[in-house]
Amino acid sequence: MKRRKFLKNSSTATAALVATPFLTSCKEEVNPSKAGVAANTKAIYPIVICTWDFLNASTKAWEVLSSGGNALDAIEQGVKVEEDDVTNQTVGTGGRPDRDGTVTLDACIMDKDGNCGAVLAMENIANPISVARKVMEDTPHVMLAGQGAEQFAYEKGFKKVNLLTEQSRLEWWEWKKTSEYKPIINIENHDTIGMLAIDKNGDIAGGCTTSGMGYKMAGRVGDSPIIGAGLFVDNEIGGATATGMGEEVVRTVGSFLIVELMRQGKSPQEACEEGVKRIMAKNEGRNDFQIGFIAINKKGEIGGYCIQPGFTYRTYSEEGHINNPSESYVS
């Protein structure tokens, strides 16, 4: 069954601005006329980059990449580490519930060919990133939501589990005393692991997984499982992913925007900065929320930028395993 190609031709209207760098090996030099990639420097890959200081996730992804594995497998295996960590209350098992006490999970994944899959507001399944991959590979669809996503997971052999841990349940009961919805910047607002990887062949993949905002309204879905908002990959240019207040990322189609800015010649850092500035231009006078973007281009050059101080992103390559503090819009 053919997989859905998402936004495959979405950029054709800007063909005059499009350049398509392609590297066949780490040793090749880059044509300086190609957009988004610096000339006369060697590519840095394999490499993995993820939002926040998810050391265990980036370590697992690097194990896959450094042993010759492909970027898509590295993404799935890397983010699953956080989905399975019950002490991480922003993704997977142990994630914070909605205001009714139900844990719902969102995730998406995208490969080098533009194939993608996503699950939204799914209950009772511990690894939404793996279900999203099954949607991509085994259905003609891009997204499955709610009970449909859950039923599909069971059909694919996933087991029903209780996602609400005792710690998250007790914190939810404490929250109910006031039921005041004011997410804490860089705590409830860092509700996502987004990851991008380039393998030894120079191919890019990405993934994003979350339990969403703690104590959200039932049924709320943010940017994380939305292709183009929380994640976008174009194997000719690069990829981007986001974390933070998903509603604002959706309004600017943030990750797609950043990849298109790289297509037009901006570096990953410049593109991330412009992505944040676009959001802040629509929220003049506000500084009560956090958004962080990370991006990587075809050469393995990286960038990251956020609204509020405190966001970091981790990279792993032959140059080392580094937690990078992000520059911020608000000083």
C-alpha atoms as a PDB file:
ATOM      1  CA  MET A   1       0.000   0.000   0.000  1.00  0.00           C
ATOM      2  CA  LYS A   2       1.493   3.340  -0.978  1.00  0.00           C
ATOM      3  CA  ARG A   3       2.213   5.759   1.804  1.00  0.00           C
ATOM      4  CA  ARG A   4       0.920   9.273   1.799  1.00  0.00           C
ATOM      5  CA  LYS A   5       3.443  11.866   0.622  1.00  0.00           C
ATOM      6  CA  PHE A   6       2.808  14.956   2.720  1.00  0.00           C
ATOM      7  CA  LEU A   7       3.424  18.405   1.287  1.00  0.00           C
ATOM      8  CA  LYS A   8       5.598  16.814  -1.392  1.00  0.00           C
ATOM      9  CA  ASN A   9       4.908  19.571  -3.840  1.00  0.00           C
ATOM     10  CA  SER A  10       4.144  22.312  -1.361  1.00  0.00           C
ATOM     11  CA  SER A  11       7.184  24.344  -2.289  1.00  0.00           C
ATOM     12  CA  THR A  12       6.759  24.455  -6.048  1.00  0.00           C
ATOM     13  CA  ALA A  13       5.201  27.900  -5.942  1.00  0.00           C
ATOM     14  CA  THR A  14       8.519  29.254  -4.720  1.00  0.00           C
ATOM     15  CA  ALA A  15      10.601  27.405  -7.290  1.00  0.00           C
ATOM     16  CA  ALA A  16      12.633  30.468  -8.098  1.00  0.00           C
ATOM     17  CA  LEU A  17      13.965  30.426  -4.560  1.00  0.00           C
ATOM     18  CA  VAL A  18      14.520  26.709  -4.285  1.00  0.00           C
ATOM     19  CA  ALA A  19      17.954  25.138  -4.303  1.00  0.00           C
ATOM     20  CA  THR A  20      18.503  21.446  -3.755  1.00  0.00           C
ATOM     21  CA  PRO A  21      21.848  20.553  -2.214  1.00  0.00           C
ATOM     22  CA  PHE A  22      22.602  16.875  -2.121  1.00  0.00           C
ATOM     23  CA  LEU A  23      25.619  15.274  -0.493  1.00  0.00           C
ATOM     24  CA  THR A  24      26.591  11.750  -1.382  1.00  0.00           C
ATOM     25  CA  SER A  25      29.265  11.365   1.267  1.00  0.00           C
ATOM     26  CA  CYS A  26      30.823  13.108   4.232  1.00  0.00           C
ATOM     27  CA  LYS A  27      33.914  13.873   2.159  1.00  0.00           C
ATOM     28  CA  GLU A  28      32.286  15.735  -0.684  1.00  0.00           C
ATOM     29  CA  GLU A  29      32.534  19.483  -0.960  1.00  0.00           C
ATOM     30  CA  VAL A  30      29.349  21.478  -1.337  1.00  0.00           C
ATOM     31  CA  ASN A  31      28.484  23.577  -4.339  1.00  0.00           C
ATOM     32  CA  PRO A  32      28.630  27.154  -2.975  1.00  0.00           C
ATOM     33  CA  SER A  33      25.648  28.145  -5.110  1.00  0.00           C
ATOM     34  CA  LYS A  34      23.334  25.859  -3.130  1.00  0.00           C
ATOM     35  CA  ALA A  35      21.125  27.548  -0.554  1.00  0.00           C
ATOM     36  CA  GLY A  36      21.254  26.949   3.162  1.00  0.00           C
ATOM     37  CA  VAL A  37      24.664  25.246   3.181  1.00  0.00           C
ATOM     38  CA  ALA A  38      28.022  26.909   3.698  1.00  0.00           C
ATOM     39  CA  ALA A  39      30.603  26.411   0.945  1.00  0.00           C
ATOM     40  CA  ASN A  40      33.958  24.609   1.196  1.00  0.00           C
ATOM     41  CA  THR A  41      33.302  22.858   4.483  1.00  0.00           C
ATOM     42  CA  LYS A  42      32.860  19.177   5.083  1.00  0.00           C
ATOM     43  CA  ALA A  43      29.587  17.707   6.208  1.00  0.00           C
ATOM     44  CA  ILE A  44      29.143  16.707   9.844  1.00  0.00           C
ATOM     45  CA  TYR A  45      27.226  13.461  10.011  1.00  0.00           C
ATOM     46  CA  PRO A  46      26.029  11.149  11.328  1.00  0.00           C
ATOM     47  CA  ILE A  47      24.571  13.476  13.932  1.00  0.00           C
ATOM     48  CA  VAL A  48      21.531  13.661  16.183  1.00  0.00           C
ATOM     49  CA  ILE A  49      20.003  16.731  17.808  1.00  0.00           C
ATOM     50  CA  CYS A  50      17.099  16.844  20.265  1.00  0.00           C
ATOM     51  CA  THR A  51      15.204  19.388  22.312  1.00  0.00           C
ATOM     52  CA  TRP A  52      16.158  19.753  25.962  1.00  0.00           C
ATOM     53  CA  ASP A  53      18.801  17.831  27.899  1.00  0.00           C
ATOM     54  CA  PHE A  54      17.536  14.357  27.008  1.00  0.00           C
ATOM     55  CA  LEU A  55      20.915  12.681  27.410  1.00  0.00           C
ATOM     56  CA  ASN A  56      19.613   9.102  27.396  1.00  0.00           C
ATOM     57  CA  ALA A  57      17.533   9.648  24.271  1.00  0.00           C
ATOM     58  CA  SER A  58      20.364  11.196  22.284  1.00  0.00           C
ATOM     59  CA  THR A  59      22.720   8.468  23.497  1.00  0.00           C
ATOM     60  CA  LYS A  60      20.383   5.756  22.205  1.00  0.00           C
ATOM     61  CA  ALA A  61      19.933   7.495  18.867  1.00  0.00           C
ATOM     62  CA  TRP A  62      23.696   7.849  18.511  1.00  0.00           C
ATOM     63  CA  GLU A  63      24.156   4.130  19.218  1.00  0.00           C
ATOM     64  CA  VAL A  64      21.985   3.416  16.193  1.00  0.00           C
ATOM     65  CA  LEU A  65      23.704   5.970  13.969  1.00  0.00           C
ATOM     66  CA  SER A  66      27.270   5.137  14.979  1.00  0.00           C
ATOM     67  CA  SER A  67      26.705   1.456  14.268  1.00  0.00           C
ATOM     68  CA  GLY A  68      25.610   2.262  10.710  1.00  0.00           C
ATOM     69  CA  GLY A  69      21.859   2.400  11.306  1.00  0.00           C
ATOM     70  CA  ASN A  70      19.506   4.720   9.460  1.00  0.00           C
ATOM     71  CA  ALA A  71      18.128   8.016  10.707  1.00  0.00           C
ATOM     72  CA  LEU A  72      14.534   6.808  10.983  1.00  0.00           C
ATOM     73  CA  ASP A  73      15.443   3.930  13.301  1.00  0.00           C
ATOM     74  CA  ALA A  74      17.618   6.262  15.353  1.00  0.00           C
ATOM     75  CA  ILE A  75      14.704   8.653  15.824  1.00  0.00           C
ATOM     76  CA  GLU A  76      12.255   5.963  16.896  1.00  0.00           C
ATOM     77  CA  GLN A  77      14.660   4.259  19.282  1.00  0.00           C
ATOM     78  CA  GLY A  78      15.891   7.547  20.715  1.00  0.00           C
ATOM     79  CA  VAL A  79      12.558   9.089  21.631  1.00  0.00           C
ATOM     80  CA  LYS A  80      11.196   5.775  22.921  1.00  0.00           C
ATOM     81  CA  VAL A  81      13.719   6.069  25.747  1.00  0.00           C
ATOM     82  CA  GLU A  82      11.845   9.113  27.043  1.00  0.00           C
ATOM     83  CA  GLU A  83       8.408   7.637  26.381  1.00  0.00           C
ATOM     84  CA  ASP A  84       9.383   4.705  28.614  1.00  0.00           C
ATOM     85  CA  ASP A  85      10.907   6.836  31.395  1.00  0.00           C
ATOM     86  CA  VAL A  86       8.190   7.144  34.049  1.00  0.00           C
ATOM     87  CA  THR A  87      10.086   9.992  35.739  1.00  0.00           C
ATOM     88  CA  ASN A  88       9.672  12.144  32.627  1.00  0.00           C
ATOM     89  CA  GLN A  89       6.236  13.676  33.078  1.00  0.00           C
ATOM     90  CA  THR A  90       6.118  15.344  29.681  1.00  0.00           C
ATOM     91  CA  VAL A  91       6.001  12.302  27.394  1.00  0.00           C
ATOM     92  CA  GLY A  92       4.780   8.707  27.376  1.00  0.00           C
ATOM     93  CA  THR A  93       4.054   6.683  30.498  1.00  0.00           C
ATOM     94  CA  GLY A  94       3.883   9.005  33.487  1.00  0.00           C
ATOM     95  CA  GLY A  95       2.940  12.033  31.405  1.00  0.00           C
ATOM     96  CA  ARG A  96       0.742  14.622  33.089  1.00  0.00           C
ATOM     97  CA  PRO A  97      -2.963  14.050  32.474  1.00  0.00           C
ATOM     98  CA  ASP A  98      -5.594  16.432  31.176  1.00  0.00           C
ATOM     99  CA  ARG A  99      -7.855  18.211  33.668  1.00  0.00           C
ATOM    100  CA  ASP A 100     -10.114  15.136  33.809  1.00  0.00           C
ATOM    101  CA  GLY A 101      -7.233  12.891  34.845  1.00  0.00           C
ATOM    102  CA  THR A 102      -6.723  11.143  31.494  1.00  0.00           C
ATOM    103  CA  VAL A 103      -3.276  10.832  29.919  1.00  0.00           C
ATOM    104  CA  THR A 104      -3.388  11.319  26.150  1.00  0.00           C
ATOM    105  CA  LEU A 105      -0.336  11.088  23.932  1.00  0.00           C
ATOM    106  CA  ASP A 106       0.614  12.659  20.593  1.00  0.00           C
ATOM    107  CA  ALA A 107       3.508  11.862  18.259  1.00  0.00           C
ATOM    108  CA  CYS A 108       4.663  12.125  14.674  1.00  0.00           C
ATOM    109  CA  ILE A 109       7.552  10.837  12.584  1.00  0.00           C
ATOM    110  CA  MET A 110       8.881  11.759   9.134  1.00  0.00           C
ATOM    111  CA  ASP A 111      11.420  10.055   6.881  1.00  0.00           C
ATOM    112  CA  LYS A 112      13.835  11.074   4.133  1.00  0.00           C
ATOM    113  CA  ASP A 113      11.265  10.548   1.382  1.00  0.00           C
ATOM    114  CA  GLY A 114       8.596  12.821   2.821  1.00  0.00           C
ATOM    115  CA  ASN A 115       6.563   9.952   4.233  1.00  0.00           C
ATOM    116  CA  CYS A 116       5.062  10.677   7.632  1.00  0.00           C
ATOM    117  CA  GLY A 117       2.685   9.371  10.247  1.00  0.00           C
ATOM    118  CA  ALA A 118       1.074  10.711  13.384  1.00  0.00           C
ATOM    119  CA  VAL A 119      -1.215   9.807  16.264  1.00  0.00           C
ATOM    120  CA  LEU A 120      -3.237  12.343  18.219  1.00  0.00           C
ATOM    121  CA  ALA A 121      -4.944  12.186  21.632  1.00  0.00           C
ATOM    122  CA  MET A 122      -4.244   8.475  21.937  1.00  0.00           C
ATOM    123  CA  GLU A 123      -4.855   6.728  25.276  1.00  0.00           C
ATOM    124  CA  ASN A 124      -3.496   3.528  26.853  1.00  0.00           C
ATOM    125  CA  ILE A 125      -0.512   3.009  24.504  1.00  0.00           C
ATOM    126  CA  ALA A 126       2.994   3.550  25.839  1.00  0.00           C
ATOM    127  CA  ASN A 127       4.949   4.295  22.631  1.00  0.00           C
ATOM    128  CA  PRO A 128       3.080   6.676  20.343  1.00  0.00           C
ATOM    129  CA  ILE A 129       6.187   7.269  18.195  1.00  0.00           C
ATOM    130  CA  SER A 130       6.125   3.607  17.176  1.00  0.00           C
ATOM    131  CA  VAL A 131       2.404   3.717  16.431  1.00  0.00           C
ATOM    132  CA  ALA A 132       2.993   6.843  14.331  1.00  0.00           C
ATOM    133  CA  ARG A 133       5.586   4.930  12.333  1.00  0.00           C
ATOM    134  CA  LYS A 134       3.092   2.125  11.756  1.00  0.00           C
ATOM    135  CA  VAL A 135       0.553   4.688  10.512  1.00  0.00           C
ATOM    136  CA  MET A 136       3.197   5.922   8.076  1.00  0.00           C
ATOM    137  CA  GLU A 137       4.259   2.511   6.869  1.00  0.00           C
ATOM    138  CA  ASP A 138       1.088   0.415   7.024  1.00  0.00           C
ATOM    139  CA  THR A 139      -1.780   2.761   6.129  1.00  0.00           C
ATOM    140  CA  PRO A 140      -2.635   5.214   3.327  1.00  0.00           C
ATOM    141  CA  HIS A 141      -3.120   7.927   5.984  1.00  0.00           C
ATOM    142  CA  VAL A 142      -0.979  10.489   7.769  1.00  0.00           C
ATOM    143  CA  MET A 143      -2.915  10.855  11.037  1.00  0.00           C
ATOM    144  CA  LEU A 144      -5.064   8.682  13.273  1.00  0.00           C
ATOM    145  CA  ALA A 145      -6.750  10.167  16.336  1.00  0.00           C
ATOM    146  CA  GLY A 146      -8.294   9.085  19.613  1.00  0.00           C
ATOM    147  CA  GLN A 147     -10.038   5.724  19.732  1.00  0.00           C
ATOM    148  CA  GLY A 148      -9.157   5.053  16.107  1.00  0.00           C
ATOM    149  CA  ALA A 149      -5.454   5.407  16.840  1.00  0.00           C
ATOM    150  CA  GLU A 150      -5.759   3.226  19.925  1.00  0.00           C
ATOM    151  CA  GLN A 151      -7.632   0.478  18.075  1.00  0.00           C
ATOM    152  CA  PHE A 152      -5.068   0.550  15.260  1.00  0.00           C
ATOM    153  CA  ALA A 153      -2.295   0.125  17.845  1.00  0.00           C
ATOM    154  CA  TYR A 154      -3.980  -2.972  19.280  1.00  0.00           C
ATOM    155  CA  GLU A 155      -4.321  -4.418  15.783  1.00  0.00           C
ATOM    156  CA  LYS A 156      -0.573  -3.939  15.345  1.00  0.00           C
ATOM    157  CA  GLY A 157       0.234  -5.774  18.563  1.00  0.00           C
ATOM    158  CA  PHE A 158       0.669  -2.929  21.025  1.00  0.00           C
ATOM    159  CA  LYS A 159      -0.495  -3.677  24.569  1.00  0.00           C
ATOM    160  CA  LYS A 160      -2.907  -1.679  26.701  1.00  0.00           C
ATOM    161  CA  VAL A 161      -1.161  -0.017  29.649  1.00  0.00           C
ATOM    162  CA  ASN A 162      -2.064   2.417  32.413  1.00  0.00           C
ATOM    163  CA  LEU A 163      -0.229   5.631  31.516  1.00  0.00           C
ATOM    164  CA  LEU A 164      -1.114   7.483  34.744  1.00  0.00           C
ATOM    165  CA  THR A 165       1.582   6.879  37.336  1.00  0.00           C
ATOM    166  CA  GLU A 166       1.018   7.437  41.032  1.00  0.00           C
ATOM    167  CA  GLN A 167       3.203  10.539  41.030  1.00  0.00           C
ATOM    168  CA  SER A 168       1.294  12.156  38.178  1.00  0.00           C
ATOM    169  CA  ARG A 169      -2.042  11.165  39.752  1.00  0.00           C
ATOM    170  CA  LEU A 170      -1.150  12.774  43.088  1.00  0.00           C
ATOM    171  CA  GLU A 171       0.046  15.961  41.403  1.00  0.00           C
ATOM    172  CA  TRP A 172      -3.198  16.107  39.411  1.00  0.00           C
ATOM    173  CA  TRP A 173      -5.243  15.812  42.618  1.00  0.00           C
ATOM    174  CA  GLU A 174      -3.210  18.649  44.104  1.00  0.00           C
ATOM    175  CA  TRP A 175      -3.797  20.765  40.992  1.00  0.00           C
ATOM    176  CA  LYS A 176      -7.558  20.180  41.265  1.00  0.00           C
ATOM    177  CA  LYS A 177      -7.648  22.164  44.511  1.00  0.00           C
ATOM    178  CA  THR A 178      -7.367  25.357  42.472  1.00  0.00           C
ATOM    179  CA  SER A 179      -7.772  24.076  38.898  1.00  0.00           C
ATOM    180  CA  GLU A 180      -5.720  27.079  37.812  1.00  0.00           C
ATOM    181  CA  TYR A 181      -4.240  26.657  34.365  1.00  0.00           C
ATOM    182  CA  LYS A 182      -0.923  28.500  34.404  1.00  0.00           C
ATOM    183  CA  PRO A 183       1.811  26.293  32.934  1.00  0.00           C
ATOM    184  CA  ILE A 184       5.229  26.974  34.419  1.00  0.00           C
ATOM    185  CA  ILE A 185       7.751  28.108  31.822  1.00  0.00           C
ATOM    186  CA  ASN A 186      10.417  25.460  31.145  1.00  0.00           C
ATOM    187  CA  ILE A 187       8.549  22.887  33.272  1.00  0.00           C
ATOM    188  CA  GLU A 188       5.006  22.207  32.053  1.00  0.00           C
ATOM    189  CA  ASN A 189       5.991  24.235  29.003  1.00  0.00           C
ATOM    190  CA  HIS A 190       8.778  21.838  28.074  1.00  0.00           C
ATOM    191  CA  ASP A 191       6.370  19.125  27.158  1.00  0.00           C
ATOM    192  CA  THR A 192       8.056  17.633  24.142  1.00  0.00           C
ATOM    193  CA  ILE A 193      11.062  15.755  22.889  1.00  0.00           C
ATOM    194  CA  GLY A 194      11.681  16.620  19.265  1.00  0.00           C
ATOM    195  CA  MET A 195      14.583  14.888  17.536  1.00  0.00           C
ATOM    196  CA  LEU A 196      16.331  15.202  14.167  1.00  0.00           C
ATOM    197  CA  ALA A 197      19.027  12.906  12.797  1.00  0.00           C
ATOM    198  CA  ILE A 198      21.271  12.518   9.768  1.00  0.00           C
ATOM    199  CA  ASP A 199      22.719   9.079   9.105  1.00  0.00           C
ATOM    200  CA  LYS A 200      25.953   8.016   7.391  1.00  0.00           C
ATOM    201  CA  ASN A 201      24.264   8.320   3.986  1.00  0.00           C
ATOM    202  CA  GLY A 202      23.307  11.933   4.608  1.00  0.00           C
ATOM    203  CA  ASP A 203      19.612  11.102   4.924  1.00  0.00           C
ATOM    204  CA  ILE A 204      17.454  13.012   7.418  1.00  0.00           C
ATOM    205  CA  ALA A 205      14.549  11.901   9.595  1.00  0.00           C
ATOM    206  CA  GLY A 206      12.705  13.439  12.516  1.00  0.00           C
ATOM    207  CA  GLY A 207      10.237  12.673  15.270  1.00  0.00           C
ATOM    208  CA  CYS A 208       8.305  14.398  18.010  1.00  0.00           C
ATOM    209  CA  THR A 209       6.402  12.948  20.995  1.00  0.00           C
ATOM    210  CA  THR A 210       4.541  14.461  23.941  1.00  0.00           C
ATOM    211  CA  SER A 211       1.832  14.061  26.542  1.00  0.00           C
ATOM    212  CA  GLY A 212       0.837  17.656  25.863  1.00  0.00           C
ATOM    213  CA  MET A 213       0.272  20.479  28.281  1.00  0.00           C
ATOM    214  CA  GLY A 214      -0.356  19.322  31.827  1.00  0.00           C
ATOM    215  CA  TYR A 215      -4.050  19.689  32.829  1.00  0.00           C
ATOM    216  CA  LYS A 216      -5.109  20.729  29.336  1.00  0.00           C
ATOM    217  CA  MET A 217      -8.742  20.580  28.248  1.00  0.00           C
ATOM    218  CA  ALA A 218      -9.792  17.080  27.228  1.00  0.00           C
ATOM    219  CA  GLY A 219      -9.138  16.597  23.530  1.00  0.00           C
ATOM    220  CA  ARG A 220      -6.554  19.359  23.237  1.00  0.00           C
ATOM    221  CA  VAL A 221      -3.824  18.710  20.658  1.00  0.00           C
ATOM    222  CA  GLY A 222      -0.845  21.010  20.213  1.00  0.00           C
ATOM    223  CA  ASP A 223       1.766  21.265  17.494  1.00  0.00           C
ATOM    224  CA  SER A 224       3.791  18.138  18.276  1.00  0.00           C
ATOM    225  CA  PRO A 225       1.956  15.616  16.041  1.00  0.00           C
ATOM    226  CA  ILE A 226       1.191  18.136  13.287  1.00  0.00           C
ATOM    227  CA  ILE A 227       3.499  17.771  10.294  1.00  0.00           C
ATOM    228  CA  GLY A 228       4.740  21.236   9.353  1.00  0.00           C
ATOM    229  CA  ALA A 229       4.082  22.678  12.808  1.00  0.00           C
ATOM    230  CA  GLY A 230       5.870  20.543  15.401  1.00  0.00           C
ATOM    231  CA  LEU A 231       8.094  18.777  12.856  1.00  0.00           C
ATOM    232  CA  PHE A 232       9.136  19.026   9.236  1.00  0.00           C
ATOM    233  CA  VAL A 233      11.853  17.312   7.212  1.00  0.00           C
ATOM    234  CA  ASP A 234      12.972  17.962   3.637  1.00  0.00           C
ATOM    235  CA  ASN A 235      15.860  15.666   2.751  1.00  0.00           C
ATOM    236  CA  GLU A 236      17.218  18.158   0.211  1.00  0.00           C
ATOM    237  CA  ILE A 237      17.415  20.991   2.740  1.00  0.00           C
ATOM    238  CA  GLY A 238      17.149  19.970   6.407  1.00  0.00           C
ATOM    239  CA  GLY A 239      14.690  19.592   9.245  1.00  0.00           C
ATOM    240  CA  ALA A 240      13.200  21.451  12.192  1.00  0.00           C
ATOM    241  CA  THR A 241      11.192  20.656  15.294  1.00  0.00           C
ATOM    242  CA  ALA A 242       9.628  22.615  18.126  1.00  0.00           C
ATOM    243  CA  THR A 243       8.809  22.518  21.821  1.00  0.00           C
ATOM    244  CA  GLY A 244       6.713  24.724  24.080  1.00  0.00           C
ATOM    245  CA  MET A 245       3.321  26.372  23.658  1.00  0.00           C
ATOM    246  CA  GLY A 246       2.045  24.435  20.682  1.00  0.00           C
ATOM    247  CA  GLU A 247      -0.825  26.736  19.803  1.00  0.00           C
ATOM    248  CA  GLU A 248       1.614  29.481  18.795  1.00  0.00           C
ATOM    249  CA  VAL A 249       3.762  27.108  16.741  1.00  0.00           C
ATOM    250  CA  VAL A 250       0.673  25.918  14.847  1.00  0.00           C
ATOM    251  CA  ARG A 251      -0.323  29.503  14.020  1.00  0.00           C
ATOM    252  CA  THR A 252       2.941  30.074  12.143  1.00  0.00           C
ATOM    253  CA  VAL A 253       3.425  26.514  10.828  1.00  0.00           C
ATOM    254  CA  GLY A 254       6.746  26.939  12.573  1.00  0.00           C
ATOM    255  CA  SER A 255       8.854  23.939  11.560  1.00  0.00           C
ATOM    256  CA  PHE A 256       7.897  24.168   7.890  1.00  0.00           C
ATOM    257  CA  LEU A 257       8.684  27.872   8.008  1.00  0.00           C
ATOM    258  CA  ILE A 258      12.172  27.211   9.344  1.00  0.00           C
ATOM    259  CA  VAL A 259      12.958  24.631   6.668  1.00  0.00           C
ATOM    260  CA  GLU A 260      11.753  27.018   3.973  1.00  0.00           C
ATOM    261  CA  LEU A 261      13.931  29.789   5.412  1.00  0.00           C
ATOM    262  CA  MET A 262      16.909  27.433   5.159  1.00  0.00           C
ATOM    263  CA  ARG A 263      15.893  26.683   1.569  1.00  0.00           C
ATOM    264  CA  GLN A 264      16.121  30.407   0.867  1.00  0.00           C
ATOM    265  CA  GLY A 265      19.682  30.548   2.191  1.00  0.00           C
ATOM    266  CA  LYS A 266      19.470  31.129   5.944  1.00  0.00           C
ATOM    267  CA  SER A 267      21.579  29.061   8.292  1.00  0.00           C
ATOM    268  CA  PRO A 268      19.778  26.827  10.810  1.00  0.00           C
ATOM    269  CA  GLN A 269      20.499  29.383  13.522  1.00  0.00           C
ATOM    270  CA  GLU A 270      19.185  32.297  11.476  1.00  0.00           C
ATOM    271  CA  ALA A 271      16.087  30.333  10.523  1.00  0.00           C
ATOM    272  CA  CYS A 272      15.285  29.426  14.148  1.00  0.00           C
ATOM    273  CA  GLU A 273      15.685  33.052  15.206  1.00  0.00           C
ATOM    274  CA  GLU A 274      13.355  34.218  12.454  1.00  0.00           C
ATOM    275  CA  GLY A 275      10.814  31.552  13.435  1.00  0.00           C
ATOM    276  CA  VAL A 276      10.675  32.870  16.999  1.00  0.00           C
ATOM    277  CA  LYS A 277      10.514  36.478  15.829  1.00  0.00           C
ATOM    278  CA  ARG A 278       7.503  35.685  13.641  1.00  0.00           C
ATOM    279  CA  ILE A 279       5.698  34.297  16.675  1.00  0.00           C
ATOM    280  CA  MET A 280       6.586  37.247  18.899  1.00  0.00           C
ATOM    281  CA  ALA A 281       5.434  39.702  16.244  1.00  0.00           C
ATOM    282  CA  LYS A 282       1.963  38.191  16.657  1.00  0.00           C
ATOM    283  CA  ASN A 283       2.191  38.295  20.466  1.00  0.00           C
ATOM    284  CA  GLU A 284       3.450  41.795  21.112  1.00  0.00           C
ATOM    285  CA  GLY A 285       3.780  42.520  24.817  1.00  0.00           C
ATOM    286  CA  ARG A 286       3.575  38.860  25.913  1.00  0.00           C
ATOM    287  CA  ASN A 287       6.416  37.018  27.581  1.00  0.00           C
ATOM    288  CA  ASP A 288       4.469  34.446  29.587  1.00  0.00           C
ATOM    289  CA  PHE A 289       5.116  31.430  27.402  1.00  0.00           C
ATOM    290  CA  GLN A 290       8.015  29.443  25.996  1.00  0.00           C
ATOM    291  CA  ILE A 291       8.786  28.132  22.542  1.00  0.00           C
ATOM    292  CA  GLY A 292      12.036  26.595  21.411  1.00  0.00           C
ATOM    293  CA  PHE A 293      13.056  25.607  17.886  1.00  0.00           C
ATOM    294  CA  ILE A 294      15.937  23.447  16.755  1.00  0.00           C
ATOM    295  CA  ALA A 295      17.031  22.884  13.174  1.00  0.00           C
ATOM    296  CA  ILE A 296      19.629  21.044  11.140  1.00  0.00           C
ATOM    297  CA  ASN A 297      20.622  21.456   7.512  1.00  0.00           C
ATOM    298  CA  LYS A 298      21.878  18.949   4.977  1.00  0.00           C
ATOM    299  CA  LYS A 299      25.461  19.392   6.108  1.00  0.00           C
ATOM    300  CA  GLY A 300      24.757  18.720   9.755  1.00  0.00           C
ATOM    301  CA  GLU A 301      24.990  22.376  10.763  1.00  0.00           C
ATOM    302  CA  ILE A 302      22.650  23.083  13.670  1.00  0.00           C
ATOM    303  CA  GLY A 303      20.733  25.933  15.229  1.00  0.00           C
ATOM    304  CA  GLY A 304      18.447  26.611  18.168  1.00  0.00           C
ATOM    305  CA  TYR A 305      16.556  29.593  19.528  1.00  0.00           C
ATOM    306  CA  CYS A 306      13.815  30.209  22.083  1.00  0.00           C
ATOM    307  CA  ILE A 307      11.660  32.908  23.644  1.00  0.00           C
ATOM    308  CA  GLN A 308      12.632  32.584  27.299  1.00  0.00           C
ATOM    309  CA  PRO A 309      16.055  31.787  28.784  1.00  0.00           C
ATOM    310  CA  GLY A 310      16.433  28.211  29.968  1.00  0.00           C
ATOM    311  CA  PHE A 311      15.935  26.135  26.825  1.00  0.00           C
ATOM    312  CA  THR A 312      18.760  23.783  25.850  1.00  0.00           C
ATOM    313  CA  TYR A 313      19.240  21.241  23.087  1.00  0.00           C
ATOM    314  CA  ARG A 314      21.557  18.260  22.972  1.00  0.00           C
ATOM    315  CA  THR A 315      23.717  17.118  20.055  1.00  0.00           C
ATOM    316  CA  TYR A 316      25.683  13.918  19.536  1.00  0.00           C
ATOM    317  CA  SER A 317      28.222  13.417  16.749  1.00  0.00           C
ATOM    318  CA  GLU A 318      31.855  12.458  16.366  1.00  0.00           C
ATOM    319  CA  GLU A 319      32.606  15.932  17.729  1.00  0.00           C
ATOM    320  CA  GLY A 320      31.095  14.974  21.102  1.00  0.00           C
ATOM    321  CA  HIS A 321      27.923  14.775  23.167  1.00  0.00           C
ATOM    322  CA  ILE A 322      26.993  18.346  24.025  1.00  0.00           C
ATOM    323  CA  ASN A 323      24.142  20.101  25.831  1.00  0.00           C
ATOM    324  CA  ASN A 324      23.844  23.466  24.102  1.00  0.00           C
ATOM    325  CA  PRO A 325      22.294  26.446  25.924  1.00  0.00           C
ATOM    326  CA  SER A 326      20.030  28.299  23.534  1.00  0.00           C
ATOM    327  CA  GLU A 327      20.086  32.013  22.930  1.00  0.00           C
ATOM    328  CA  SER A 328      16.714  33.612  23.673  1.00  0.00           C
ATOM    329  CA  TYR A 329      14.476  36.418  22.445  1.00  0.00           C
ATOM    330  CA  VAL A 330      13.938  37.627  26.004  1.00  0.00           C
ATOM    331  CA  SER A 331      17.203  38.403  27.749  1.00  0.00           C
END
